[in-house]
Each structure stands twice: as C-alpha cells, then as structure tokens.
Amino acid sequence: MKPKRTCEEELALAKKLSSPEGFLEEYQSRLYDYTRNIDAYYSVEDDFMRIFGRTRYSCYQSFHTIMRRIIKSRTK
C-alpha cells in the first residue's frame, strides 16, 4: 500500500503533473521503482486520474510520442 501524502505533497504533485515536462520528470523518477516502463507510466497516470479526474494521455504510446518530442527538444 502506498504511503499517504500530505496536502502539501499532493499540491506539489498536482502542479508537477499539470505540465507535460513535469509528467515526464515524475515518470522518470518512478522508473527505478518498477520493472517495466509501462508500469511506471500507469502509476503516474493513476495519480493524475485521482487528482484531475481524467487521464493526461490516451495510452502509453501517446505518452511515448510526447516524451520523445520533449527529450529531442532538450538536446537541441
């Protein structure tokens, strides 16, 4: 079971997940906790759903496309 977050932690997470870059950063930080990339993605997407009441991306492939664009733009 996940440890409960404080209100301050929930607000910080909501602020972070509200941008594509923040979503990607949270995903990357959770990669160490999961054996599969898709499981890390769904853990972040579950938090997004709980906070905002909807999913950020329609599927993992959609997220992966955006992730590649963000990473590519950082390397320019």
Protein backbone atom coordinates (compact mmCIF):
# COMPACT_ATOMS: atom_id res chain seq x y z
CA MET A 1 0.00 0.00 0.00
CA LYS A 2 1.24 3.47 -0.90
CA PRO A 3 2.06 5.83 1.96
CA LYS A 4 -0.38 8.71 2.37
CA ARG A 5 0.75 12.08 1.05
CA THR A 6 0.22 15.32 2.90
CA CYS A 7 -1.85 18.11 1.35
CA GLU A 8 1.34 19.98 0.53
CA GLU A 9 2.77 16.94 -1.23
CA GLU A 10 -0.47 16.45 -3.18
CA LEU A 11 -0.44 20.10 -4.30
CA ALA A 12 3.20 19.85 -5.36
CA LEU A 13 2.44 16.67 -7.31
CA ALA A 14 -0.60 18.27 -8.96
CA LYS A 15 1.49 21.25 -10.03
CA LYS A 16 4.20 18.96 -11.37
CA LEU A 17 1.82 16.69 -13.29
CA SER A 18 -0.03 19.62 -14.87
CA SER A 19 2.71 20.09 -17.48
CA PRO A 20 3.99 17.52 -19.97
CA GLU A 21 7.55 18.15 -18.75
CA GLY A 22 6.56 17.59 -15.12
CA PHE A 23 4.67 14.41 -16.02
CA LEU A 24 7.78 13.13 -17.81
CA GLU A 25 10.00 14.06 -14.85
CA GLU A 26 7.73 12.17 -12.43
CA TYR A 27 7.65 9.17 -14.79
CA GLN A 28 11.45 9.13 -14.96
CA SER A 29 11.75 9.28 -11.18
CA ARG A 30 9.43 6.27 -10.84
CA LEU A 31 11.28 4.10 -13.36
CA TYR A 32 13.55 2.84 -10.56
CA ASP A 33 10.56 1.50 -8.62
CA TYR A 34 9.12 -0.60 -11.46
CA THR A 35 10.50 -3.40 -13.60
CA ARG A 36 8.59 -2.29 -16.72
CA ASN A 37 8.39 1.24 -18.15
CA ILE A 38 4.67 0.89 -18.80
CA ASP A 39 4.05 0.17 -15.10
CA ALA A 40 5.86 3.38 -14.12
CA TYR A 41 3.73 5.26 -16.67
CA TYR A 42 0.49 3.84 -15.29
CA SER A 43 1.48 4.71 -11.72
CA VAL A 44 1.87 8.36 -12.74
CA GLU A 45 -1.30 8.24 -14.85
CA ASP A 46 -3.23 6.79 -11.87
CA ASP A 47 -2.12 9.71 -9.70
CA PHE A 48 -3.11 12.14 -12.47
CA MET A 49 -6.54 10.50 -12.71
CA ARG A 50 -7.04 10.66 -8.95
CA ILE A 51 -6.09 14.35 -8.80
CA PHE A 52 -7.66 15.70 -12.01
CA GLY A 53 -10.43 13.17 -12.70
CA ARG A 54 -9.18 12.29 -16.19
CA THR A 55 -6.15 10.79 -17.88
CA ARG A 56 -3.43 13.01 -19.31
CA TYR A 57 -2.66 10.72 -22.26
CA SER A 58 -4.95 8.32 -24.08
CA CYS A 59 -2.40 5.48 -23.95
CA TYR A 60 1.25 4.69 -23.30
CA GLN A 61 2.09 5.09 -26.99
CA SER A 62 0.70 8.63 -26.99
CA PHE A 63 2.79 9.46 -23.92
CA HIS A 64 5.86 7.88 -25.53
CA THR A 65 5.47 10.11 -28.61
CA ILE A 66 5.30 13.25 -26.45
CA MET A 67 8.21 12.02 -24.34
CA ARG A 68 10.39 11.64 -27.44
CA ARG A 69 9.48 15.19 -28.57
CA ILE A 70 10.35 16.66 -25.18
CA ILE A 71 13.66 14.82 -24.98
CA LYS A 72 14.51 15.79 -28.58
CA SER A 73 13.78 19.47 -27.86
CA ARG A 74 16.09 19.35 -24.80
CA THR A 75 19.01 18.12 -26.90
CA LYS A 76 18.88 21.00 -29.40
